[in-house]
Amino acid sequence: MGQILQTIESEVRSKPSATEYEMAYQARIAIDRIRFAIKQTEQIVRHSDQAREARRQLVDALDRLEVADRHFQSRFHGGCSLRMSGKTIDGHNGSSR
């Protein structure tokens, strides 16, 4: 009986909670918005030191979010995938970076 209970508890801990899915969803939205901002800053101002610093900060934030997203994806691989056929949840292509 104790082994069955341990197996069930282990299974429950290994699955994402509703909060974790919500955080992953919000991270994907933030990633898309940061990619858009990076693309826009590249097109608008290329030679400004302030624009370069803003872009560097955006790229850093994007990298951090993508690492967190990959961690979520690998931890819960086989569950609900947030990326489907190269598109994000809101249907945008995630390769604008």
PDB file of N, CA and C in Angstrom:
ATOM      1  N   MET A   1       0.825  -1.197   0.000  1.00  0.00           N
ATOM      2  CA  MET A   1       0.000   0.000   0.000  1.00  0.00           C
ATOM      3  C   MET A   1       0.873   1.268   0.000  1.00  0.00           C
ATOM      4  N   GLY A   2       1.945   1.268   0.818  1.00  0.00           N
ATOM      5  CA  GLY A   2       2.839   2.424   0.882  1.00  0.00           C
ATOM      6  C   GLY A   2       3.532   2.683  -0.438  1.00  0.00           C
ATOM      7  N   GLN A   3       3.897   1.620  -1.144  1.00  0.00           N
ATOM      8  CA  GLN A   3       4.566   1.768  -2.435  1.00  0.00           C
ATOM      9  C   GLN A   3       3.610   2.358  -3.471  1.00  0.00           C
ATOM     10  N   ILE A   4       2.369   1.956  -3.428  1.00  0.00           N
ATOM     11  CA  ILE A   4       1.360   2.502  -4.347  1.00  0.00           C
ATOM     12  C   ILE A   4       1.189   4.000  -4.087  1.00  0.00           C
ATOM     13  N   LEU A   5       1.106   4.356  -2.804  1.00  0.00           N
ATOM     14  CA  LEU A   5       0.963   5.769  -2.445  1.00  0.00           C
ATOM     15  C   LEU A   5       2.173   6.573  -2.911  1.00  0.00           C
ATOM     16  N   GLN A   6       3.375   6.043  -2.726  1.00  0.00           N
ATOM     17  CA  GLN A   6       4.587   6.730  -3.196  1.00  0.00           C
ATOM     18  C   GLN A   6       4.571   6.895  -4.713  1.00  0.00           C
ATOM     19  N   THR A   7       4.130   5.870  -5.421  1.00  0.00           N
ATOM     20  CA  THR A   7       4.058   5.940  -6.878  1.00  0.00           C
ATOM     21  C   THR A   7       3.084   7.030  -7.309  1.00  0.00           C
ATOM     22  N   ILE A   8       1.941   7.082  -6.666  1.00  0.00           N
ATOM     23  CA  ILE A   8       0.936   8.104  -7.003  1.00  0.00           C
ATOM     24  C   ILE A   8       1.471   9.500  -6.696  1.00  0.00           C
ATOM     25  N   GLU A   9       2.084   9.676  -5.525  1.00  0.00           N
ATOM     26  CA  GLU A   9       2.637  10.984  -5.161  1.00  0.00           C
ATOM     27  C   GLU A   9       3.737  11.410  -6.123  1.00  0.00           C
ATOM     28  N   SER A  10       4.568  10.468  -6.514  1.00  0.00           N
ATOM     29  CA  SER A  10       5.632  10.769  -7.469  1.00  0.00           C
ATOM     30  C   SER A  10       5.055  11.195  -8.810  1.00  0.00           C
ATOM     31  N   GLU A  11       4.016  10.520  -9.238  1.00  0.00           N
ATOM     32  CA  GLU A  11       3.363  10.844 -10.515  1.00  0.00           C
ATOM     33  C   GLU A  11       2.749  12.245 -10.460  1.00  0.00           C
ATOM     34  N   VAL A  12       2.114  12.570  -9.352  1.00  0.00           N
ATOM     35  CA  VAL A  12       1.490  13.895  -9.201  1.00  0.00           C
ATOM     36  C   VAL A  12       2.558  14.986  -9.221  1.00  0.00           C
ATOM     37  N   ARG A  13       3.689  14.780  -8.532  1.00  0.00           N
ATOM     38  CA  ARG A  13       4.765  15.772  -8.496  1.00  0.00           C
ATOM     39  C   ARG A  13       5.431  15.953  -9.850  1.00  0.00           C
ATOM     40  N   SER A  14       5.406  14.922 -10.677  1.00  0.00           N
ATOM     41  CA  SER A  14       6.096  15.008 -11.966  1.00  0.00           C
ATOM     42  C   SER A  14       5.265  15.713 -13.031  1.00  0.00           C
ATOM     43  N   LYS A  15       4.011  15.960 -12.774  1.00  0.00           N
ATOM     44  CA  LYS A  15       3.142  16.623 -13.752  1.00  0.00           C
ATOM     45  C   LYS A  15       3.026  18.107 -13.436  1.00  0.00           C
ATOM     46  N   PRO A  16       2.898  18.921 -14.459  1.00  0.00           N
ATOM     47  CA  PRO A  16       2.803  20.370 -14.242  1.00  0.00           C
ATOM     48  C   PRO A  16       1.483  20.759 -13.587  1.00  0.00           C
ATOM     49  N   SER A  17       1.561  21.764 -12.754  1.00  0.00           N
ATOM     50  CA  SER A  17       0.355  22.308 -12.145  1.00  0.00           C
ATOM     51  C   SER A  17      -0.265  23.331 -13.089  1.00  0.00           C
ATOM     52  N   ALA A  18      -1.460  23.743 -12.781  1.00  0.00           N
ATOM     53  CA  ALA A  18      -2.128  24.770 -13.589  1.00  0.00           C
ATOM     54  C   ALA A  18      -1.323  26.070 -13.564  1.00  0.00           C
ATOM     55  N   THR A  19      -0.715  26.380 -12.428  1.00  0.00           N
ATOM     56  CA  THR A  19       0.099  27.593 -12.314  1.00  0.00           C
ATOM     57  C   THR A  19       1.321  27.502 -13.216  1.00  0.00           C
ATOM     58  N   GLU A  20       1.956  26.328 -13.274  1.00  0.00           N
ATOM     59  CA  GLU A  20       3.126  26.167 -14.135  1.00  0.00           C
ATOM     60  C   GLU A  20       2.754  26.307 -15.606  1.00  0.00           C
ATOM     61  N   TYR A  21       1.610  25.765 -16.000  1.00  0.00           N
ATOM     62  CA  TYR A  21       1.159  25.942 -17.385  1.00  0.00           C
ATOM     63  C   TYR A  21       0.883  27.412 -17.682  1.00  0.00           C
ATOM     64  N   GLU A  22       0.282  28.110 -16.738  1.00  0.00           N
ATOM     65  CA  GLU A  22       0.006  29.537 -16.937  1.00  0.00           C
ATOM     66  C   GLU A  22       1.307  30.327 -17.067  1.00  0.00           C
ATOM     67  N   MET A  23       2.281  30.017 -16.231  1.00  0.00           N
ATOM     68  CA  MET A  23       3.574  30.703 -16.312  1.00  0.00           C
ATOM     69  C   MET A  23       4.261  30.409 -17.645  1.00  0.00           C
ATOM     70  N   ALA A  24       4.190  29.178 -18.108  1.00  0.00           N
ATOM     71  CA  ALA A  24       4.793  28.833 -19.400  1.00  0.00           C
ATOM     72  C   ALA A  24       4.092  29.588 -20.534  1.00  0.00           C
ATOM     73  N   TYR A  25       2.781  29.683 -20.455  1.00  0.00           N
ATOM     74  CA  TYR A  25       2.013  30.419 -21.461  1.00  0.00           C
ATOM     75  C   TYR A  25       2.424  31.901 -21.467  1.00  0.00           C
ATOM     76  N   GLN A  26       2.501  32.497 -20.283  1.00  0.00           N
ATOM     77  CA  GLN A  26       2.878  33.912 -20.184  1.00  0.00           C
ATOM     78  C   GLN A  26       4.310  34.122 -20.672  1.00  0.00           C
ATOM     79  N   ALA A  27       5.197  33.163 -20.404  1.00  0.00           N
ATOM     80  CA  ALA A  27       6.572  33.264 -20.897  1.00  0.00           C
ATOM     81  C   ALA A  27       6.596  33.255 -22.419  1.00  0.00           C
ATOM     82  N   ARG A  28       5.804  32.405 -23.048  1.00  0.00           N
ATOM     83  CA  ARG A  28       5.754  32.348 -24.515  1.00  0.00           C
ATOM     84  C   ARG A  28       5.260  33.673 -25.088  1.00  0.00           C
ATOM     85  N   ILE A  29       4.271  34.276 -24.460  1.00  0.00           N
ATOM     86  CA  ILE A  29       3.770  35.574 -24.924  1.00  0.00           C
ATOM     87  C   ILE A  29       4.863  36.631 -24.772  1.00  0.00           C
ATOM     88  N   ALA A  30       5.543  36.635 -23.637  1.00  0.00           N
ATOM     89  CA  ALA A  30       6.627  37.597 -23.423  1.00  0.00           C
ATOM     90  C   ALA A  30       7.741  37.401 -24.443  1.00  0.00           C
ATOM     91  N   ILE A  31       8.077  36.158 -24.754  1.00  0.00           N
ATOM     92  CA  ILE A  31       9.108  35.868 -25.758  1.00  0.00           C
ATOM     93  C   ILE A  31       8.720  36.466 -27.100  1.00  0.00           C
ATOM     94  N   ASP A  32       7.484  36.258 -27.508  1.00  0.00           N
ATOM     95  CA  ASP A  32       7.026  36.812 -28.790  1.00  0.00           C
ATOM     96  C   ASP A  32       7.095  38.336 -28.805  1.00  0.00           C
ATOM     97  N   ARG A  33       6.689  38.962 -27.713  1.00  0.00           N
ATOM     98  CA  ARG A  33       6.699  40.428 -27.655  1.00  0.00           C
ATOM     99  C   ARG A  33       8.123  40.977 -27.639  1.00  0.00           C
ATOM    100  N   ILE A  34       9.015  40.302 -26.943  1.00  0.00           N
ATOM    101  CA  ILE A  34      10.412  40.748 -26.916  1.00  0.00           C
ATOM    102  C   ILE A  34      11.033  40.593 -28.296  1.00  0.00           C
ATOM    103  N   ARG A  35      10.759  39.492 -28.980  1.00  0.00           N
ATOM    104  CA  ARG A  35      11.276  39.317 -30.347  1.00  0.00           C
ATOM    105  C   ARG A  35      10.797  40.446 -31.250  1.00  0.00           C
ATOM    106  N   PHE A  36       9.533  40.802 -31.120  1.00  0.00           N
ATOM    107  CA  PHE A  36       8.977  41.902 -31.916  1.00  0.00           C
ATOM    108  C   PHE A  36       9.710  43.207 -31.593  1.00  0.00           C
ATOM    109  N   ALA A  37       9.928  43.493 -30.304  1.00  0.00           N
ATOM    110  CA  ALA A  37      10.612  44.726 -29.906  1.00  0.00           C
ATOM    111  C   ALA A  37      12.046  44.752 -30.430  1.00  0.00           C
ATOM    112  N   ILE A  38      12.727  43.611 -30.377  1.00  0.00           N
ATOM    113  CA  ILE A  38      14.093  43.544 -30.906  1.00  0.00           C
ATOM    114  C   ILE A  38      14.096  43.850 -32.390  1.00  0.00           C
ATOM    115  N   LYS A  39      13.184  43.242 -33.112  1.00  0.00           N
ATOM    116  CA  LYS A  39      13.101  43.458 -34.558  1.00  0.00           C
ATOM    117  C   LYS A  39      12.824  44.933 -34.870  1.00  0.00           C
ATOM    118  N   GLN A  40      11.930  45.542 -34.117  1.00  0.00           N
ATOM    119  CA  GLN A  40      11.596  46.946 -34.350  1.00  0.00           C
ATOM    120  C   GLN A  40      12.778  47.855 -34.032  1.00  0.00           C
ATOM    121  N   THR A  41      13.500  47.596 -32.937  1.00  0.00           N
ATOM    122  CA  THR A  41      14.639  48.461 -32.610  1.00  0.00           C
ATOM    123  C   THR A  41      15.751  48.314 -33.635  1.00  0.00           C
ATOM    124  N   GLU A  42      15.900  47.131 -34.217  1.00  0.00           N
ATOM    125  CA  GLU A  42      16.911  46.950 -35.265  1.00  0.00           C
ATOM    126  C   GLU A  42      16.566  47.774 -36.500  1.00  0.00           C
ATOM    127  N   GLN A  43      15.295  47.900 -36.814  1.00  0.00           N
ATOM    128  CA  GLN A  43      14.873  48.612 -38.015  1.00  0.00           C
ATOM    129  C   GLN A  43      14.850  50.126 -37.821  1.00  0.00           C
ATOM    130  N   ILE A  44      14.578  50.589 -36.624  1.00  0.00           N
ATOM    131  CA  ILE A  44      14.389  52.018 -36.392  1.00  0.00           C
ATOM    132  C   ILE A  44      15.710  52.752 -36.180  1.00  0.00           C
ATOM    133  N   VAL A  45      16.492  52.325 -35.207  1.00  0.00           N
ATOM    134  CA  VAL A  45      17.714  53.034 -34.858  1.00  0.00           C
ATOM    135  C   VAL A  45      18.853  52.023 -34.765  1.00  0.00           C
ATOM    136  N   ARG A  46      19.778  52.120 -35.711  1.00  0.00           N
ATOM    137  CA  ARG A  46      20.871  51.149 -35.741  1.00  0.00           C
ATOM    138  C   ARG A  46      22.146  51.664 -35.086  1.00  0.00           C
ATOM    139  N   HIS A  47      22.338  52.954 -35.015  1.00  0.00           N
ATOM    140  CA  HIS A  47      23.638  53.478 -34.602  1.00  0.00           C
ATOM    141  C   HIS A  47      23.630  54.149 -33.234  1.00  0.00           C
ATOM    142  N   SER A  48      22.529  54.198 -32.577  1.00  0.00           N
ATOM    143  CA  SER A  48      22.444  54.842 -31.272  1.00  0.00           C
ATOM    144  C   SER A  48      22.959  53.906 -30.180  1.00  0.00           C
ATOM    145  N   ASP A  49      23.788  54.441 -29.277  1.00  0.00           N
ATOM    146  CA  ASP A  49      24.278  53.641 -28.148  1.00  0.00           C
ATOM    147  C   ASP A  49      23.121  53.200 -27.257  1.00  0.00           C
ATOM    148  N   GLN A  50      22.136  54.082 -27.063  1.00  0.00           N
ATOM    149  CA  GLN A  50      20.981  53.737 -26.240  1.00  0.00           C
ATOM    150  C   GLN A  50      20.168  52.611 -26.879  1.00  0.00           C
ATOM    151  N   ALA A  51      20.008  52.670 -28.187  1.00  0.00           N
ATOM    152  CA  ALA A  51      19.258  51.622 -28.885  1.00  0.00           C
ATOM    153  C   ALA A  51      20.000  50.292 -28.808  1.00  0.00           C
ATOM    154  N   ARG A  52      21.320  50.334 -28.944  1.00  0.00           N
ATOM    155  CA  ARG A  52      22.111  49.094 -28.832  1.00  0.00           C
ATOM    156  C   ARG A  52      21.997  48.497 -27.438  1.00  0.00           C
ATOM    157  N   GLU A  53      22.030  49.340 -26.415  1.00  0.00           N
ATOM    158  CA  GLU A  53      21.897  48.854 -25.036  1.00  0.00           C
ATOM    159  C   GLU A  53      20.497  48.288 -24.791  1.00  0.00           C
ATOM    160  N   ALA A  54      19.483  48.963 -25.310  1.00  0.00           N
ATOM    161  CA  ALA A  54      18.114  48.458 -25.163  1.00  0.00           C
ATOM    162  C   ALA A  54      17.970  47.104 -25.848  1.00  0.00           C
ATOM    163  N   ARG A  55      18.551  46.995 -27.029  1.00  0.00           N
ATOM    164  CA  ARG A  55      18.494  45.718 -27.753  1.00  0.00           C
ATOM    165  C   ARG A  55      19.227  44.638 -26.974  1.00  0.00           C
ATOM    166  N   ARG A  56      20.395  44.974 -26.398  1.00  0.00           N
ATOM    167  CA  ARG A  56      21.154  44.000 -25.618  1.00  0.00           C
ATOM    168  C   ARG A  56      20.341  43.512 -24.413  1.00  0.00           C
ATOM    169  N   GLN A  57      19.656  44.439 -23.759  1.00  0.00           N
ATOM    170  CA  GLN A  57      18.819  44.074 -22.616  1.00  0.00           C
ATOM    171  C   GLN A  57      17.654  43.171 -23.053  1.00  0.00           C
ATOM    172  N   LEU A  58      17.053  43.498 -24.189  1.00  0.00           N
ATOM    173  CA  LEU A  58      15.957  42.677 -24.700  1.00  0.00           C
ATOM    174  C   LEU A  58      16.431  41.275 -25.075  1.00  0.00           C
ATOM    175  N   VAL A  59      17.582  41.200 -25.707  1.00  0.00           N
ATOM    176  CA  VAL A  59      18.126  39.887 -26.083  1.00  0.00           C
ATOM    177  C   VAL A  59      18.428  39.068 -24.837  1.00  0.00           C
ATOM    178  N   ASP A  60      18.969  39.709 -23.814  1.00  0.00           N
ATOM    179  CA  ASP A  60      19.254  39.004 -22.557  1.00  0.00           C
ATOM    180  C   ASP A  60      17.961  38.480 -21.927  1.00  0.00           C
ATOM    181  N   ALA A  61      16.932  39.320 -21.883  1.00  0.00           N
ATOM    182  CA  ALA A  61      15.643  38.891 -21.323  1.00  0.00           C
ATOM    183  C   ALA A  61      15.062  37.744 -22.144  1.00  0.00           C
ATOM    184  N   LEU A  62      15.171  37.851 -23.462  1.00  0.00           N
ATOM    185  CA  LEU A  62      14.675  36.789 -24.340  1.00  0.00           C
ATOM    186  C   LEU A  62      15.411  35.482 -24.072  1.00  0.00           C
ATOM    187  N   ASP A  63      16.722  35.542 -23.967  1.00  0.00           N
ATOM    188  CA  ASP A  63      17.509  34.334 -23.693  1.00  0.00           C
ATOM    189  C   ASP A  63      17.081  33.681 -22.387  1.00  0.00           C
ATOM    190  N   ARG A  64      16.876  34.492 -21.352  1.00  0.00           N
ATOM    191  CA  ARG A  64      16.467  33.957 -20.055  1.00  0.00           C
ATOM    192  C   ARG A  64      15.090  33.287 -20.132  1.00  0.00           C
ATOM    193  N   LEU A  65      14.168  33.920 -20.819  1.00  0.00           N
ATOM    194  CA  LEU A  65      12.834  33.327 -20.965  1.00  0.00           C
ATOM    195  C   LEU A  65      12.876  32.049 -21.784  1.00  0.00           C
ATOM    196  N   GLU A  66      13.697  32.033 -22.828  1.00  0.00           N
ATOM    197  CA  GLU A  66      13.793  30.825 -23.649  1.00  0.00           C
ATOM    198  C   GLU A  66      14.409  29.666 -22.867  1.00  0.00           C
ATOM    199  N   VAL A  67      15.366  29.948 -21.993  1.00  0.00           N
ATOM    200  CA  VAL A  67      15.935  28.897 -21.152  1.00  0.00           C
ATOM    201  C   VAL A  67      14.854  28.337 -20.222  1.00  0.00           C
ATOM    202  N   ALA A  68      14.073  29.222 -19.623  1.00  0.00           N
ATOM    203  CA  ALA A  68      12.990  28.770 -18.744  1.00  0.00           C
ATOM    204  C   ALA A  68      11.959  27.958 -19.524  1.00  0.00           C
ATOM    205  N   ASP A  69      11.652  28.404 -20.736  1.00  0.00           N
ATOM    206  CA  ASP A  69      10.682  27.678 -21.568  1.00  0.00           C
ATOM    207  C   ASP A  69      11.222  26.302 -21.947  1.00  0.00           C
ATOM    208  N   ARG A  70      12.504  26.225 -22.316  1.00  0.00           N
ATOM    209  CA  ARG A  70      13.093  24.918 -22.645  1.00  0.00           C
ATOM    210  C   ARG A  70      13.091  24.003 -21.435  1.00  0.00           C
ATOM    211  N   HIS A  71      13.339  24.567 -20.247  1.00  0.00           N
ATOM    212  CA  HIS A  71      13.302  23.766 -19.026  1.00  0.00           C
ATOM    213  C   HIS A  71      11.900  23.199 -18.821  1.00  0.00           C
ATOM    214  N   PHE A  72      10.885  24.029 -18.997  1.00  0.00           N
ATOM    215  CA  PHE A  72       9.508  23.562 -18.863  1.00  0.00           C
ATOM    216  C   PHE A  72       9.223  22.469 -19.892  1.00  0.00           C
ATOM    217  N   GLN A  73       9.614  22.712 -21.135  1.00  0.00           N
ATOM    218  CA  GLN A  73       9.359  21.737 -22.194  1.00  0.00           C
ATOM    219  C   GLN A  73      10.036  20.405 -21.900  1.00  0.00           C
ATOM    220  N   SER A  74      11.279  20.441 -21.441  1.00  0.00           N
ATOM    221  CA  SER A  74      11.988  19.184 -21.193  1.00  0.00           C
ATOM    222  C   SER A  74      11.471  18.492 -19.940  1.00  0.00           C
ATOM    223  N   ARG A  75      11.103  19.258 -18.920  1.00  0.00           N
ATOM    224  CA  ARG A  75      10.588  18.673 -17.684  1.00  0.00           C
ATOM    225  C   ARG A  75       9.262  17.967 -17.909  1.00  0.00           C
ATOM    226  N   PHE A  76       8.447  18.521 -18.725  1.00  0.00           N
ATOM    227  CA  PHE A  76       7.125  17.964 -18.954  1.00  0.00           C
ATOM    228  C   PHE A  76       6.965  17.441 -20.369  1.00  0.00           C
ATOM    229  N   HIS A  77       8.072  17.014 -20.953  1.00  0.00           N
ATOM    230  CA  HIS A  77       8.040  16.452 -22.307  1.00  0.00           C
ATOM    231  C   HIS A  77       7.023  15.319 -22.367  1.00  0.00           C
ATOM    232  N   GLY A  78       6.251  15.337 -23.391  1.00  0.00           N
ATOM    233  CA  GLY A  78       5.211  14.334 -23.517  1.00  0.00           C
ATOM    234  C   GLY A  78       3.864  14.855 -23.059  1.00  0.00           C
ATOM    235  N   GLY A  79       3.877  15.970 -22.327  1.00  0.00           N
ATOM    236  CA  GLY A  79       2.625  16.583 -21.919  1.00  0.00           C
ATOM    237  C   GLY A  79       2.161  17.534 -22.996  1.00  0.00           C
ATOM    238  N   CYS A  80       1.430  18.529 -22.602  1.00  0.00           N
ATOM    239  CA  CYS A  80       0.934  19.533 -23.542  1.00  0.00           C
ATOM    240  C   CYS A  80       2.106  20.369 -24.033  1.00  0.00           C
ATOM    241  N   SER A  81       2.382  20.350 -25.317  1.00  0.00           N
ATOM    242  CA  SER A  81       3.481  21.126 -25.872  1.00  0.00           C
ATOM    243  C   SER A  81       2.986  22.517 -26.212  1.00  0.00           C
ATOM    244  N   LEU A  82       3.754  23.536 -25.774  1.00  0.00           N
ATOM    245  CA  LEU A  82       3.350  24.912 -26.048  1.00  0.00           C
ATOM    246  C   LEU A  82       3.719  25.354 -27.447  1.00  0.00           C
ATOM    247  N   ARG A  83       4.627  24.632 -28.086  1.00  0.00           N
ATOM    248  CA  ARG A  83       4.962  24.947 -29.471  1.00  0.00           C
ATOM    249  C   ARG A  83       4.361  23.875 -30.353  1.00  0.00           C
ATOM    250  N   MET A  84       3.645  24.328 -31.336  1.00  0.00           N
ATOM    251  CA  MET A  84       3.023  23.397 -32.256  1.00  0.00           C
ATOM    252  C   MET A  84       3.407  23.809 -33.659  1.00  0.00           C
ATOM    253  N   SER A  85       4.073  22.959 -34.351  1.00  0.00           N
ATOM    254  CA  SER A  85       4.501  23.171 -35.725  1.00  0.00           C
ATOM    255  C   SER A  85       5.228  24.505 -35.919  1.00  0.00           C
ATOM    256  N   GLY A  86       6.098  24.856 -34.965  1.00  0.00           N
ATOM    257  CA  GLY A  86       6.904  26.065 -35.114  1.00  0.00           C
ATOM    258  C   GLY A  86       6.161  27.347 -34.808  1.00  0.00           C
ATOM    259  N   LYS A  87       4.941  27.263 -34.359  1.00  0.00           N
ATOM    260  CA  LYS A  87       4.177  28.460 -34.038  1.00  0.00           C
ATOM    261  C   LYS A  87       3.923  28.520 -32.546  1.00  0.00           C
ATOM    262  N   THR A  88       3.761  29.726 -32.038  1.00  0.00           N
ATOM    263  CA  THR A  88       3.517  29.910 -30.632  1.00  0.00           C
ATOM    264  C   THR A  88       2.019  29.750 -30.373  1.00  0.00           C
ATOM    265  N   ILE A  89       1.664  29.810 -29.106  1.00  0.00           N
ATOM    266  CA  ILE A  89       0.270  29.615 -28.716  1.00  0.00           C
ATOM    267  C   ILE A  89      -0.674  30.577 -29.439  1.00  0.00           C
ATOM    268  N   ASP A  90      -0.246  31.816 -29.609  1.00  0.00           N
ATOM    269  CA  ASP A  90      -1.132  32.783 -30.237  1.00  0.00           C
ATOM    270  C   ASP A  90      -1.058  32.753 -31.761  1.00  0.00           C
ATOM    271  N   GLY A  91      -0.369  31.732 -32.313  1.00  0.00           N
ATOM    272  CA  GLY A  91      -0.380  31.530 -33.761  1.00  0.00           C
ATOM    273  C   GLY A  91       0.712  32.246 -34.524  1.00  0.00           C
ATOM    274  N   HIS A  92       1.564  33.006 -33.836  1.00  0.00           N
ATOM    275  CA  HIS A  92       2.633  33.718 -34.525  1.00  0.00           C
ATOM    276  C   HIS A  92       3.817  32.795 -34.740  1.00  0.00           C
ATOM    277  N   ASN A  93       4.548  33.064 -35.781  1.00  0.00           N
ATOM    278  CA  ASN A  93       5.756  32.309 -36.039  1.00  0.00           C
ATOM    279  C   ASN A  93       6.810  32.768 -35.053  1.00  0.00           C
ATOM    280  N   GLY A  94       7.443  31.831 -34.322  1.00  0.00           N
ATOM    281  CA  GLY A  94       8.385  32.190 -33.273  1.00  0.00           C
ATOM    282  C   GLY A  94       9.793  32.434 -33.771  1.00  0.00           C
ATOM    283  N   SER A  95      10.029  32.563 -35.060  1.00  0.00           N
ATOM    284  CA  SER A  95      11.399  32.674 -35.559  1.00  0.00           C
ATOM    285  C   SER A  95      11.735  34.080 -36.061  1.00  0.00           C
ATOM    286  N   SER A  96      11.161  35.115 -35.471  1.00  0.00           N
ATOM    287  CA  SER A  96      11.422  36.478 -35.950  1.00  0.00           C
ATOM    288  C   SER A  96      12.685  37.067 -35.371  1.00  0.00           C
ATOM    289  N   ARG A  97      13.387  36.360 -34.498  1.00  0.00           N
ATOM    290  CA  ARG A  97      14.596  36.881 -33.871  1.00  0.00           C
ATOM    291  C   ARG A  97      15.745  36.955 -34.799  1.00  0.00           C
TER     292      ARG A  97
END
